[in-house]
Amino acid sequence: MSAQAQMRALLDQLMGTARDGDETRQRVKFTDDRVCKSHLLDCCPHDILAGTRMDLGDCSKIHDLALRADYEIASKDRDLFFELDAVDHLESFIADCDRRTELAKKRLAETQEEISAEVAAKAEKVHELNEEIGKLLAKAEQLGAEGNVDEAQKVLQEVERVRSRKREAEEEYRNSMPASSFQQQKLRVCEVCSAYLGLHDNDRRLADHFGGKLHLGFIQIREKLEQLKKTVSEKQEKRNQERLKRREDREREERMKRRSRSRERRRHRSRSSSREKRRSRSRSRDRERKRRHRSRSRSKGRRRSPRDRSRDRSSKHKYYK
């Protein structure tokens, strides 16, 4: 890649598709189904394993650093849940790798000489120590490249201790089987990247494998998958809590509304009851006044003396004359 192309890619990664007002590039959005979501999250196996023995070639979906920059900007404001697509992609890739590992183990079991369980356990111990040496050497080289010389020296001292244990394990393995069988290369399949490892591989071969781009790339993919699963789980838990909170808020509002309506009905019934009571008391008072009036009227009629009644008759008699 030329210096100009590198500068263009860097600008794309930093500023996104709209850095030059290029409308043609903006026709494809990062949300488009044609865009690789694993690439947006920087974990596509096609990118990670490029240039290795297991180079997968170009991805069938769009890879664009500018679209990744657009996604990173947008993801700060809202959750897009592209992690779900990436998890599905990486799980499918890792499952396919694990199937190849199991097939390689079966082929080894069919082709290599049959050994007893005891000898197999001793050979497995040598393989494990080889793996530990390879990882330590790769770590020491990385520390040295970063300038941490003291740390690298400490790791190399640990390598010497593991080598001593390896020599003891190899001696036990050699004494447990015939010399002719011991000289045969016993292979083992790497559980991480499915590459073959030999029982008698030297330190340089082990360091090249465990510090190589292929092995480290598979470690990166597997670690990224676990990280994405954790992120998805946390986001789903957060979303469930938000949904639960919204539901509780709605239920609380509904309860408050029901209580308000209930209080309003009680107040309405109370006002209606009060009005009815006032009407009832008013009717009772009216009836009582009428009853008293009739009672007084009857009492007046009964209280007239015979003289008054005689006078009335006399006045009526004079009137008719």
Protein backbone atom coordinates (compact mmCIF):
# COMPACT_ATOMS: atom_id res chain seq x y z
CA MET A 1 0.00 0.00 0.00
CA SER A 2 1.39 3.37 -1.01
CA ALA A 3 1.82 6.24 1.42
CA GLN A 4 -1.10 8.07 -0.20
CA ALA A 5 -3.36 5.04 0.18
CA GLN A 6 -2.32 4.67 3.80
CA MET A 7 -3.11 8.34 4.45
CA ARG A 8 -6.50 7.97 2.75
CA ALA A 9 -7.31 4.90 4.87
CA LEU A 10 -6.27 6.74 8.03
CA LEU A 11 -8.53 9.69 7.18
CA ASP A 12 -11.40 7.29 6.46
CA GLN A 13 -10.88 5.58 9.80
CA LEU A 14 -10.81 8.87 11.68
CA MET A 15 -13.50 10.92 9.89
CA GLY A 16 -15.86 8.46 8.21
CA THR A 17 -17.49 8.52 4.78
CA ALA A 18 -18.33 12.22 4.79
CA ARG A 19 -14.78 13.50 5.15
CA ASP A 20 -14.62 14.91 1.59
CA GLY A 21 -18.32 15.35 0.93
CA ASP A 22 -18.16 12.28 -1.31
CA GLU A 23 -21.85 11.50 -1.90
CA THR A 24 -21.21 8.27 -3.80
CA ARG A 25 -19.61 6.65 -0.75
CA GLN A 26 -22.51 7.75 1.43
CA ARG A 27 -24.97 5.71 -0.61
CA VAL A 28 -24.00 2.64 1.43
CA LYS A 29 -24.65 3.17 5.13
CA PHE A 30 -23.01 1.16 7.87
CA THR A 31 -26.49 -0.18 8.76
CA ASP A 32 -26.81 -1.80 5.31
CA ASP A 33 -27.08 -5.60 5.37
CA ARG A 34 -24.31 -5.75 2.78
CA VAL A 35 -21.82 -4.31 5.30
CA CYS A 36 -19.86 -6.78 7.44
CA LYS A 37 -20.81 -6.14 11.07
CA SER A 38 -17.79 -8.10 12.27
CA HIS A 39 -15.58 -5.69 10.33
CA LEU A 40 -17.31 -2.74 12.00
CA LEU A 41 -16.38 -4.30 15.36
CA ASP A 42 -12.83 -5.06 14.16
CA CYS A 43 -13.13 -8.83 14.52
CA CYS A 44 -13.75 -10.25 11.06
CA PRO A 45 -11.66 -13.44 10.56
CA HIS A 46 -11.01 -12.38 6.94
CA ASP A 47 -9.06 -9.38 8.27
CA ILE A 48 -7.40 -11.07 11.24
CA LEU A 49 -6.12 -14.15 9.37
CA ALA A 50 -5.08 -12.32 6.21
CA GLY A 51 -1.60 -13.39 5.07
CA THR A 52 -1.54 -16.58 7.15
CA ARG A 53 -1.65 -20.24 6.14
CA MET A 54 -5.44 -20.06 6.64
CA ASP A 55 -6.00 -16.85 4.67
CA LEU A 56 -9.74 -16.76 3.94
CA GLY A 57 -9.52 -14.28 1.07
CA ASP A 58 -11.91 -11.37 0.67
CA CYS A 59 -15.05 -11.25 2.76
CA SER A 60 -18.33 -11.57 0.88
CA LYS A 61 -19.58 -8.39 2.56
CA ILE A 62 -18.38 -4.80 2.40
CA HIS A 63 -15.31 -3.80 4.40
CA ASP A 64 -14.68 -0.05 4.70
CA LEU A 65 -12.76 1.75 7.42
CA ALA A 66 -14.86 4.85 6.85
CA LEU A 67 -18.04 2.89 7.58
CA ARG A 68 -16.41 1.60 10.76
CA ALA A 69 -15.73 5.20 11.78
CA ASP A 70 -19.38 6.08 11.06
CA TYR A 71 -20.49 3.17 13.24
CA GLU A 72 -18.19 4.13 16.10
CA ILE A 73 -19.58 7.68 16.05
CA ALA A 74 -23.21 6.50 15.92
CA SER A 75 -22.75 3.86 18.61
CA LYS A 76 -21.84 6.55 21.14
CA ASP A 77 -25.41 7.86 21.03
CA ARG A 78 -27.40 4.62 20.86
CA ASP A 79 -27.07 0.85 21.03
CA LEU A 80 -27.22 -0.75 17.59
CA PHE A 81 -26.72 -4.34 18.79
CA PHE A 82 -24.41 -5.25 15.89
CA GLU A 83 -22.68 -7.49 18.44
CA LEU A 84 -25.40 -10.09 17.85
CA ASP A 85 -24.48 -10.37 14.15
CA ALA A 86 -20.78 -10.54 15.01
CA VAL A 87 -21.38 -13.25 17.63
CA ASP A 88 -23.27 -15.38 15.11
CA HIS A 89 -20.48 -14.91 12.55
CA LEU A 90 -17.63 -15.76 14.95
CA GLU A 91 -19.49 -18.68 16.53
CA SER A 92 -19.99 -20.20 13.09
CA PHE A 93 -16.31 -19.69 12.22
CA ILE A 94 -15.03 -21.13 15.53
CA ALA A 95 -17.41 -24.10 15.27
CA ASP A 96 -16.02 -24.86 11.81
CA CYS A 97 -12.45 -24.61 13.17
CA ASP A 98 -13.28 -26.94 16.06
CA ARG A 99 -14.73 -29.47 13.61
CA ARG A 100 -11.48 -29.40 11.63
CA THR A 101 -9.55 -29.93 14.88
CA GLU A 102 -11.61 -33.02 15.75
CA LEU A 103 -11.17 -34.42 12.23
CA ALA A 104 -7.40 -33.89 12.45
CA LYS A 105 -7.33 -35.70 15.79
CA LYS A 106 -9.20 -38.65 14.28
CA ARG A 107 -6.76 -38.83 11.34
CA LEU A 108 -3.83 -38.81 13.74
CA ALA A 109 -5.40 -41.57 15.81
CA GLU A 110 -5.81 -43.67 12.65
CA THR A 111 -2.30 -43.13 11.25
CA GLN A 112 -0.05 -43.02 14.30
CA GLU A 113 1.13 -46.09 16.13
CA GLU A 114 -1.13 -47.22 18.95
CA ILE A 115 0.37 -46.64 22.39
CA SER A 116 -0.82 -47.48 25.89
CA ALA A 117 -2.70 -45.00 28.05
CA GLU A 118 0.28 -44.60 30.36
CA VAL A 119 2.64 -43.76 27.51
CA ALA A 120 0.04 -41.46 25.97
CA ALA A 121 -0.22 -39.56 29.26
CA LYS A 122 3.56 -39.10 29.37
CA ALA A 123 3.59 -37.91 25.75
CA GLU A 124 0.78 -35.48 26.56
CA LYS A 125 2.86 -34.07 29.41
CA VAL A 126 5.76 -33.40 27.01
CA HIS A 127 3.35 -31.69 24.59
CA GLU A 128 2.02 -29.46 27.38
CA LEU A 129 5.54 -28.42 28.40
CA ASN A 130 6.37 -27.73 24.74
CA GLU A 131 3.31 -25.49 24.55
CA GLU A 132 4.32 -23.66 27.72
CA ILE A 133 7.85 -23.09 26.39
CA GLY A 134 6.52 -21.81 23.08
CA LYS A 135 4.18 -19.34 24.76
CA LEU A 136 6.92 -18.07 27.10
CA LEU A 137 9.38 -17.60 24.23
CA ALA A 138 6.77 -15.72 22.20
CA LYS A 139 6.07 -13.52 25.22
CA ALA A 140 9.79 -12.85 25.77
CA GLU A 141 10.20 -11.82 22.12
CA GLN A 142 7.25 -9.46 22.37
CA LEU A 143 8.58 -7.88 25.57
CA GLY A 144 11.99 -7.46 23.96
CA ALA A 145 10.44 -5.79 20.91
CA GLU A 146 8.62 -3.38 23.23
CA GLY A 147 11.84 -2.53 25.07
CA ASN A 148 11.01 -4.31 28.34
CA VAL A 149 14.38 -6.05 28.57
CA ASP A 150 14.21 -6.81 32.30
CA GLU A 151 10.79 -8.45 31.97
CA ALA A 152 11.99 -10.42 28.97
CA GLN A 153 14.96 -11.72 30.97
CA LYS A 154 12.63 -12.89 33.75
CA VAL A 155 10.51 -14.77 31.20
CA LEU A 156 13.61 -16.41 29.73
CA GLN A 157 14.60 -17.59 33.20
CA GLU A 158 11.16 -19.18 33.50
CA VAL A 159 11.75 -20.82 30.11
CA GLU A 160 14.91 -22.49 31.45
CA ARG A 161 12.97 -23.92 34.39
CA VAL A 162 10.30 -25.32 32.07
CA ARG A 163 12.98 -26.79 29.80
CA SER A 164 14.40 -28.66 32.77
CA ARG A 165 10.97 -30.12 33.51
CA LYS A 166 10.58 -30.99 29.84
CA ARG A 167 13.88 -32.95 29.81
CA GLU A 168 12.66 -34.95 32.80
CA ALA A 169 9.32 -35.63 31.10
CA GLU A 170 11.06 -36.69 27.87
CA GLU A 171 13.28 -39.07 29.83
CA GLU A 172 10.22 -40.69 31.41
CA TYR A 173 8.56 -40.95 28.00
CA ARG A 174 11.71 -42.44 26.40
CA ASN A 175 12.06 -45.08 29.12
CA SER A 176 8.42 -46.15 28.76
CA MET A 177 8.70 -47.30 25.12
CA PRO A 178 11.16 -48.91 22.64
CA ALA A 179 13.84 -46.69 21.11
CA SER A 180 12.56 -47.30 17.58
CA SER A 181 9.10 -46.06 18.51
CA PHE A 182 10.52 -43.09 20.42
CA GLN A 183 12.26 -41.77 17.29
CA GLN A 184 8.94 -41.57 15.44
CA GLN A 185 7.47 -38.09 15.40
CA LYS A 186 4.39 -37.94 17.62
CA LEU A 187 2.06 -35.22 16.42
CA ARG A 188 -0.57 -33.30 18.28
CA VAL A 189 -3.26 -30.92 17.03
CA CYS A 190 -3.25 -27.40 18.48
CA GLU A 191 -6.56 -26.81 20.23
CA VAL A 192 -6.52 -23.11 19.31
CA CYS A 193 -5.72 -23.03 15.59
CA SER A 194 -5.83 -26.75 14.61
CA ALA A 195 -2.20 -26.73 13.39
CA TYR A 196 0.01 -29.80 13.92
CA LEU A 197 2.68 -29.78 16.63
CA GLY A 198 5.45 -32.36 16.99
CA LEU A 199 6.60 -33.95 20.20
CA HIS A 200 10.24 -33.29 19.25
CA ASP A 201 9.80 -29.75 17.91
CA ASN A 202 12.65 -27.44 18.89
CA ASP A 203 12.21 -24.16 20.73
CA ARG A 204 12.40 -22.07 17.57
CA ARG A 205 9.60 -24.03 15.95
CA LEU A 206 7.48 -23.73 19.11
CA ALA A 207 8.11 -19.99 19.42
CA ASP A 208 7.27 -19.46 15.74
CA HIS A 209 4.00 -21.31 16.18
CA PHE A 210 2.76 -19.78 19.45
CA GLY A 211 4.00 -16.32 18.53
CA GLY A 212 2.87 -16.58 14.92
CA LYS A 213 0.10 -14.57 13.31
CA LEU A 214 -2.10 -17.63 12.76
CA HIS A 215 -2.11 -18.81 16.39
CA LEU A 216 -2.39 -15.28 17.82
CA GLY A 217 -5.13 -14.49 15.31
CA PHE A 218 -7.22 -17.43 16.52
CA ILE A 219 -6.61 -16.36 20.12
CA GLN A 220 -7.80 -12.86 19.20
CA ILE A 221 -10.93 -14.24 17.51
CA ARG A 222 -11.78 -16.53 20.44
CA GLU A 223 -11.19 -13.78 23.01
CA LYS A 224 -13.23 -11.32 20.95
CA LEU A 225 -16.07 -13.84 20.77
CA GLU A 226 -16.13 -14.21 24.57
CA GLN A 227 -15.98 -10.45 24.97
CA LEU A 228 -18.88 -9.94 22.55
CA LYS A 229 -20.94 -12.59 24.34
CA LYS A 230 -20.37 -10.77 27.61
CA THR A 231 -21.26 -7.44 26.01
CA VAL A 232 -24.45 -8.86 24.48
CA SER A 233 -25.42 -10.41 27.82
CA GLU A 234 -24.85 -7.12 29.65
CA LYS A 235 -26.80 -5.12 27.05
CA GLN A 236 -29.68 -7.60 27.10
CA GLU A 237 -29.73 -7.45 30.90
CA LYS A 238 -29.71 -3.67 30.75
CA ARG A 239 -32.52 -3.66 28.18
CA ASN A 240 -34.54 -6.10 30.28
CA GLN A 241 -34.07 -3.90 33.34
CA GLU A 242 -35.16 -0.84 31.34
CA ARG A 243 -38.22 -2.70 30.08
CA LEU A 244 -39.01 -3.83 33.60
CA LYS A 245 -38.60 -0.28 34.89
CA ARG A 246 -40.87 1.09 32.14
CA ARG A 247 -43.45 -1.58 32.95
CA GLU A 248 -43.27 -0.76 36.64
CA ASP A 249 -43.61 2.94 35.83
CA ARG A 250 -46.67 2.24 33.67
CA GLU A 251 -48.19 0.06 36.36
CA ARG A 252 -47.49 2.76 38.96
CA GLU A 253 -49.13 5.38 36.74
CA GLU A 254 -52.11 3.08 36.20
CA ARG A 255 -52.43 2.53 39.94
CA MET A 256 -52.27 6.28 40.54
CA LYS A 257 -54.90 6.86 37.86
CA ARG A 258 -57.15 4.16 39.35
CA ARG A 259 -56.71 5.65 42.79
CA SER A 260 -57.47 9.11 41.43
CA ARG A 261 -60.59 7.84 39.67
CA SER A 262 -61.59 5.96 42.82
CA ARG A 263 -61.16 9.10 44.94
CA GLU A 264 -63.11 11.09 42.38
CA ARG A 265 -65.93 8.55 42.47
CA ARG A 266 -65.92 8.61 46.26
CA ARG A 267 -66.02 12.41 46.25
CA HIS A 268 -68.83 12.31 43.70
CA ARG A 269 -70.75 9.79 45.76
CA SER A 270 -70.07 11.84 48.87
CA ARG A 271 -71.34 15.03 47.19
CA SER A 272 -74.35 13.17 45.85
CA SER A 273 -75.02 11.70 49.27
CA SER A 274 -74.67 15.14 50.89
CA ARG A 275 -77.06 16.70 48.39
CA GLU A 276 -79.49 13.86 48.94
CA LYS A 277 -79.23 14.27 52.68
CA ARG A 278 -79.82 18.02 52.36
CA ARG A 279 -82.82 17.40 50.14
CA SER A 280 -84.09 14.80 52.55
CA ARG A 281 -83.67 17.17 55.50
CA SER A 282 -85.32 19.94 53.49
CA ARG A 283 -88.27 17.71 52.63
CA SER A 284 -88.47 16.60 56.26
CA ARG A 285 -88.52 20.22 57.40
CA ASP A 286 -91.19 21.08 54.83
CA ARG A 287 -93.32 18.18 55.94
CA GLU A 288 -92.78 19.13 59.55
CA ARG A 289 -93.78 22.74 58.84
CA LYS A 290 -96.91 21.61 56.99
CA ARG A 291 -97.75 19.18 59.74
CA ARG A 292 -97.35 21.89 62.36
CA HIS A 293 -99.40 24.32 60.31
CA ARG A 294 -102.24 21.83 59.96
CA SER A 295 -101.97 21.02 63.61
CA ARG A 296 -102.21 24.72 64.59
CA SER A 297 -105.12 25.16 62.22
CA ARG A 298 -106.99 22.27 63.77
CA SER A 299 -106.09 23.48 67.23
CA LYS A 300 -107.53 26.92 66.47
CA GLY A 301 -110.76 25.37 65.20
CA ARG A 302 -111.14 23.29 68.32
CA ARG A 303 -110.35 26.18 70.70
CA ARG A 304 -113.28 28.55 69.63
CA SER A 305 -115.70 29.14 72.45
CA PRO A 306 -119.53 28.61 72.23
CA ARG A 307 -120.00 32.37 72.56
CA ASP A 308 -117.91 33.00 69.46
CA ARG A 309 -119.78 30.43 67.50
CA SER A 310 -123.11 31.96 68.66
CA ARG A 311 -121.92 35.40 67.63
CA ASP A 312 -121.05 34.07 64.23
CA ARG A 313 -124.47 32.61 63.76
CA SER A 314 -126.07 35.91 64.84
CA SER A 315 -124.00 37.89 62.34
CA LYS A 316 -124.93 35.47 59.59
CA HIS A 317 -128.65 35.76 60.53
CA LYS A 318 -128.54 39.56 60.37
CA TYR A 319 -126.84 39.43 57.04
CA TYR A 320 -129.49 37.30 55.47
CA LYS A 321 -132.28 39.58 56.79
